[in-house]
Amino acid sequence: MAVAPDTAADLVYRIFDLQRVVRCVAAAGFRGQDTGVALQGVLRFVGEGESRATHLAERLGVSAPVLSRHIADLEEQGYVVRRQDPDDGRAQLVALSAAGVVKLRQIEEHRTATLQGYLSDWSQEDAEDTARILTRLSESLKQSARATAAGPITTPFQEH
């Protein structure tokens, strides 16, 4: 059964509200630190494994010049390293440095403790249920976005 329009509209509102709250919480929790929320996001994706900068930009949904500035900032701070891709000399691979691994771990520990404090009145079951539902929502949205981006498969001269 499909989701009713009113329910979908309410869900859109709640998702955008959640995004806003998460941004505010993240910004408040990291004021005065050397990496802002945007750089922390880049650091997290780089922490998933060495990758081409262009691939990171696609995954983060930012332009290559924006990502390049973030990578330069993180490299200047000693958190990432770049090297030429051995398979394509025009491309660069980006990875965490040893200091970047430590920094990412500190960020994740801080975020975990902060959220744990904010959710002190939640039960373990509520938190697990929410994580499960958010994962399902995220996967459904990713699948739909991929399907929409690919579009229908057609050939120029289909028979009618």
C-alpha atoms as a PDB file:
ATOM      1  CA  MET A   1       0.000   0.000   0.000  1.00  0.00           C
ATOM      2  CA  ALA A   2       1.357   3.422  -0.968  1.00  0.00           C
ATOM      3  CA  VAL A   3       1.961   6.212   1.513  1.00  0.00           C
ATOM      4  CA  ALA A   4      -0.864   8.798   1.554  1.00  0.00           C
ATOM      5  CA  PRO A   5       0.006  12.326   0.312  1.00  0.00           C
ATOM      6  CA  ASP A   6      -0.648  13.902   3.733  1.00  0.00           C
ATOM      7  CA  THR A   7       1.603  11.347   5.409  1.00  0.00           C
ATOM      8  CA  ALA A   8       4.361  11.907   2.828  1.00  0.00           C
ATOM      9  CA  ALA A   9       4.087  15.680   3.309  1.00  0.00           C
ATOM     10  CA  ASP A  10       4.319  15.278   7.094  1.00  0.00           C
ATOM     11  CA  LEU A  11       7.332  12.983   6.715  1.00  0.00           C
ATOM     12  CA  VAL A  12       9.089  15.525   4.457  1.00  0.00           C
ATOM     13  CA  TYR A  13       8.505  18.215   7.080  1.00  0.00           C
ATOM     14  CA  ARG A  14       9.833  15.988   9.865  1.00  0.00           C
ATOM     15  CA  ILE A  15      12.927  14.991   7.856  1.00  0.00           C
ATOM     16  CA  PHE A  16      13.810  18.623   7.136  1.00  0.00           C
ATOM     17  CA  ASP A  17      13.194  19.517  10.771  1.00  0.00           C
ATOM     18  CA  LEU A  18      15.471  16.673  11.872  1.00  0.00           C
ATOM     19  CA  GLN A  19      18.186  17.869   9.455  1.00  0.00           C
ATOM     20  CA  ARG A  20      17.959  21.380  10.890  1.00  0.00           C
ATOM     21  CA  VAL A  21      18.130  20.160  14.488  1.00  0.00           C
ATOM     22  CA  VAL A  22      21.073  17.864  13.748  1.00  0.00           C
ATOM     23  CA  ARG A  23      22.970  20.749  12.074  1.00  0.00           C
ATOM     24  CA  CYS A  24      22.295  23.016  15.060  1.00  0.00           C
ATOM     25  CA  VAL A  25      23.351  20.360  17.578  1.00  0.00           C
ATOM     26  CA  ALA A  26      26.492  19.557  15.587  1.00  0.00           C
ATOM     27  CA  ALA A  27      27.431  23.228  15.185  1.00  0.00           C
ATOM     28  CA  ALA A  28      26.883  23.967  18.882  1.00  0.00           C
ATOM     29  CA  GLY A  29      28.870  20.946  19.979  1.00  0.00           C
ATOM     30  CA  PHE A  30      31.941  21.815  17.936  1.00  0.00           C
ATOM     31  CA  ARG A  31      32.297  25.592  18.241  1.00  0.00           C
ATOM     32  CA  GLY A  32      35.896  26.658  18.610  1.00  0.00           C
ATOM     33  CA  GLN A  33      37.335  23.430  17.229  1.00  0.00           C
ATOM     34  CA  ASP A  34      39.700  23.299  14.265  1.00  0.00           C
ATOM     35  CA  THR A  35      37.242  21.363  12.090  1.00  0.00           C
ATOM     36  CA  GLY A  36      33.752  22.632  11.432  1.00  0.00           C
ATOM     37  CA  VAL A  37      30.766  20.467  10.600  1.00  0.00           C
ATOM     38  CA  ALA A  38      31.496  20.448   6.848  1.00  0.00           C
ATOM     39  CA  LEU A  39      35.121  19.387   7.327  1.00  0.00           C
ATOM     40  CA  GLN A  40      34.023  16.724   9.800  1.00  0.00           C
ATOM     41  CA  GLY A  41      31.677  15.297   7.182  1.00  0.00           C
ATOM     42  CA  VAL A  42      34.486  15.129   4.640  1.00  0.00           C
ATOM     43  CA  LEU A  43      36.795  13.591   7.243  1.00  0.00           C
ATOM     44  CA  ARG A  44      34.208  10.889   7.968  1.00  0.00           C
ATOM     45  CA  PHE A  45      33.859   9.929   4.296  1.00  0.00           C
ATOM     46  CA  VAL A  46      37.632   9.936   3.785  1.00  0.00           C
ATOM     47  CA  GLY A  47      37.848   7.716   6.859  1.00  0.00           C
ATOM     48  CA  GLU A  48      35.871   5.006   5.067  1.00  0.00           C
ATOM     49  CA  GLY A  49      38.934   4.262   2.947  1.00  0.00           C
ATOM     50  CA  GLU A  50      41.246   5.750   0.372  1.00  0.00           C
ATOM     51  CA  SER A  51      39.235   7.112  -2.531  1.00  0.00           C
ATOM     52  CA  ARG A  52      39.422   9.384  -5.531  1.00  0.00           C
ATOM     53  CA  ALA A  53      38.483  12.968  -4.799  1.00  0.00           C
ATOM     54  CA  THR A  54      35.894  12.921  -7.593  1.00  0.00           C
ATOM     55  CA  HIS A  55      34.210   9.878  -6.038  1.00  0.00           C
ATOM     56  CA  LEU A  56      34.135  11.615  -2.640  1.00  0.00           C
ATOM     57  CA  ALA A  57      32.547  14.723  -4.192  1.00  0.00           C
ATOM     58  CA  GLU A  58      29.799  12.601  -5.759  1.00  0.00           C
ATOM     59  CA  ARG A  59      29.089  10.784  -2.489  1.00  0.00           C
ATOM     60  CA  LEU A  60      28.996  14.041  -0.523  1.00  0.00           C
ATOM     61  CA  GLY A  61      26.839  15.768  -3.141  1.00  0.00           C
ATOM     62  CA  VAL A  62      29.266  18.682  -3.574  1.00  0.00           C
ATOM     63  CA  SER A  63      31.159  20.075  -6.513  1.00  0.00           C
ATOM     64  CA  ALA A  64      34.781  19.132  -7.122  1.00  0.00           C
ATOM     65  CA  PRO A  65      36.029  22.691  -6.317  1.00  0.00           C
ATOM     66  CA  VAL A  66      34.174  22.706  -2.965  1.00  0.00           C
ATOM     67  CA  LEU A  67      35.607  19.317  -2.029  1.00  0.00           C
ATOM     68  CA  SER A  68      39.063  20.400  -3.174  1.00  0.00           C
ATOM     69  CA  ARG A  69      38.969  23.341  -0.729  1.00  0.00           C
ATOM     70  CA  HIS A  70      37.869  21.048   2.108  1.00  0.00           C
ATOM     71  CA  ILE A  71      40.582  18.510   1.289  1.00  0.00           C
ATOM     72  CA  ALA A  72      43.178  21.322   1.161  1.00  0.00           C
ATOM     73  CA  ASP A  73      42.043  22.552   4.602  1.00  0.00           C
ATOM     74  CA  LEU A  74      42.213  19.049   6.066  1.00  0.00           C
ATOM     75  CA  GLU A  75      45.591  18.428   4.447  1.00  0.00           C
ATOM     76  CA  GLU A  76      46.913  21.711   5.881  1.00  0.00           C
ATOM     77  CA  GLN A  77      45.766  20.589   9.330  1.00  0.00           C
ATOM     78  CA  GLY A  78      47.570  17.282   8.819  1.00  0.00           C
ATOM     79  CA  TYR A  79      44.435  15.118   8.784  1.00  0.00           C
ATOM     80  CA  VAL A  80      44.512  13.838   5.190  1.00  0.00           C
ATOM     81  CA  VAL A  81      47.124  12.908   2.641  1.00  0.00           C
ATOM     82  CA  ARG A  82      46.884  12.920  -1.133  1.00  0.00           C
ATOM     83  CA  ARG A  83      48.741  10.889  -3.686  1.00  0.00           C
ATOM     84  CA  GLN A  84      48.460  10.285  -7.396  1.00  0.00           C
ATOM     85  CA  ASP A  85      46.247   7.408  -8.458  1.00  0.00           C
ATOM     86  CA  PRO A  86      48.581   4.764  -9.900  1.00  0.00           C
ATOM     87  CA  ASP A  87      45.844   3.778 -12.386  1.00  0.00           C
ATOM     88  CA  ASP A  88      45.272   7.359 -13.602  1.00  0.00           C
ATOM     89  CA  GLY A  89      48.012   9.954 -13.160  1.00  0.00           C
ATOM     90  CA  ARG A  90      45.481  12.781 -13.560  1.00  0.00           C
ATOM     91  CA  ALA A  91      43.467  11.662 -10.514  1.00  0.00           C
ATOM     92  CA  GLN A  92      44.306  11.898  -6.841  1.00  0.00           C
ATOM     93  CA  LEU A  93      43.601   9.460  -4.044  1.00  0.00           C
ATOM     94  CA  VAL A  94      42.733  10.881  -0.639  1.00  0.00           C
ATOM     95  CA  ALA A  95      43.178   9.061   2.680  1.00  0.00           C
ATOM     96  CA  LEU A  96      43.370   9.833   6.379  1.00  0.00           C
ATOM     97  CA  SER A  97      46.771  10.472   7.900  1.00  0.00           C
ATOM     98  CA  ALA A  98      47.611   8.995  11.304  1.00  0.00           C
ATOM     99  CA  ALA A  99      46.536  12.304  12.871  1.00  0.00           C
ATOM    100  CA  GLY A 100      43.311  12.151  10.841  1.00  0.00           C
ATOM    101  CA  VAL A 101      42.492   8.712  12.219  1.00  0.00           C
ATOM    102  CA  VAL A 102      42.937  10.046  15.765  1.00  0.00           C
ATOM    103  CA  LYS A 103      40.887  13.187  14.993  1.00  0.00           C
ATOM    104  CA  LEU A 104      38.043  11.200  13.436  1.00  0.00           C
ATOM    105  CA  ARG A 105      37.940   8.872  16.448  1.00  0.00           C
ATOM    106  CA  GLN A 106      37.781  11.911  18.790  1.00  0.00           C
ATOM    107  CA  ILE A 107      34.948  13.445  16.747  1.00  0.00           C
ATOM    108  CA  GLU A 108      32.975  10.201  16.737  1.00  0.00           C
ATOM    109  CA  GLU A 109      33.477   9.678  20.473  1.00  0.00           C
ATOM    110  CA  HIS A 110      32.360  13.251  21.171  1.00  0.00           C
ATOM    111  CA  ARG A 111      29.278  12.917  18.953  1.00  0.00           C
ATOM    112  CA  THR A 112      28.378   9.589  20.564  1.00  0.00           C
ATOM    113  CA  ALA A 113      28.675  10.986  24.093  1.00  0.00           C
ATOM    114  CA  THR A 114      26.716  14.106  23.136  1.00  0.00           C
ATOM    115  CA  LEU A 115      23.869  12.120  21.595  1.00  0.00           C
ATOM    116  CA  GLN A 116      23.877   9.688  24.507  1.00  0.00           C
ATOM    117  CA  GLY A 117      23.420  12.652  26.844  1.00  0.00           C
ATOM    118  CA  TYR A 118      20.654  14.184  24.736  1.00  0.00           C
ATOM    119  CA  LEU A 119      18.797  10.871  24.664  1.00  0.00           C
ATOM    120  CA  SER A 120      19.173  10.106  28.374  1.00  0.00           C
ATOM    121  CA  ASP A 121      15.388   9.764  28.717  1.00  0.00           C
ATOM    122  CA  TRP A 122      15.173   7.227  25.845  1.00  0.00           C
ATOM    123  CA  SER A 123      15.155   3.476  26.307  1.00  0.00           C
ATOM    124  CA  GLN A 124      17.632   1.239  24.514  1.00  0.00           C
ATOM    125  CA  GLU A 125      14.691  -0.229  22.580  1.00  0.00           C
ATOM    126  CA  ASP A 126      13.548   3.238  21.404  1.00  0.00           C
ATOM    127  CA  ALA A 127      17.052   4.033  20.172  1.00  0.00           C
ATOM    128  CA  GLU A 128      17.389   0.689  18.357  1.00  0.00           C
ATOM    129  CA  ASP A 129      13.933   1.053  16.758  1.00  0.00           C
ATOM    130  CA  THR A 130      14.780   4.568  15.588  1.00  0.00           C
ATOM    131  CA  ALA A 131      18.111   3.431  14.136  1.00  0.00           C
ATOM    132  CA  ARG A 132      16.368   0.601  12.282  1.00  0.00           C
ATOM    133  CA  ILE A 133      13.680   2.891  10.842  1.00  0.00           C
ATOM    134  CA  LEU A 134      16.197   5.581   9.845  1.00  0.00           C
ATOM    135  CA  THR A 135      18.309   2.936   8.114  1.00  0.00           C
ATOM    136  CA  ARG A 136      15.263   1.658   6.228  1.00  0.00           C
ATOM    137  CA  LEU A 137      14.267   5.205   5.235  1.00  0.00           C
ATOM    138  CA  SER A 138      17.789   6.014   4.086  1.00  0.00           C
ATOM    139  CA  GLU A 139      18.064   2.840   2.007  1.00  0.00           C
ATOM    140  CA  SER A 140      14.644   3.403   0.406  1.00  0.00           C
ATOM    141  CA  LEU A 141      15.546   6.974  -0.510  1.00  0.00           C
ATOM    142  CA  LYS A 142      18.926   5.911  -1.937  1.00  0.00           C
ATOM    143  CA  GLN A 143      17.329   3.158  -4.035  1.00  0.00           C
ATOM    144  CA  SER A 144      14.663   5.514  -5.354  1.00  0.00           C
ATOM    145  CA  ALA A 145      17.224   8.232  -6.116  1.00  0.00           C
ATOM    146  CA  ARG A 146      19.422   5.754  -8.021  1.00  0.00           C
ATOM    147  CA  ALA A 147      16.428   4.484  -9.991  1.00  0.00           C
ATOM    148  CA  THR A 148      15.307   8.028 -10.798  1.00  0.00           C
ATOM    149  CA  ALA A 149      18.805   9.117 -11.811  1.00  0.00           C
ATOM    150  CA  ALA A 150      19.142   6.157 -14.153  1.00  0.00           C
ATOM    151  CA  GLY A 151      15.786   6.848 -15.766  1.00  0.00           C
ATOM    152  CA  PRO A 152      13.944   4.394 -17.950  1.00  0.00           C
ATOM    153  CA  ILE A 153      16.088   2.249 -20.203  1.00  0.00           C
ATOM    154  CA  THR A 154      15.141   2.987 -23.787  1.00  0.00           C
ATOM    155  CA  THR A 155      16.663   2.755 -27.222  1.00  0.00           C
ATOM    156  CA  PRO A 156      16.375   5.525 -29.827  1.00  0.00           C
ATOM    157  CA  PHE A 157      14.295   3.488 -32.284  1.00  0.00           C
ATOM    158  CA  GLN A 158      11.936   1.388 -30.194  1.00  0.00           C
ATOM    159  CA  GLU A 159       9.065  -0.173 -32.052  1.00  0.00           C
ATOM    160  CA  HIS A 160       5.658   1.171 -31.130  1.00  0.00           C
END
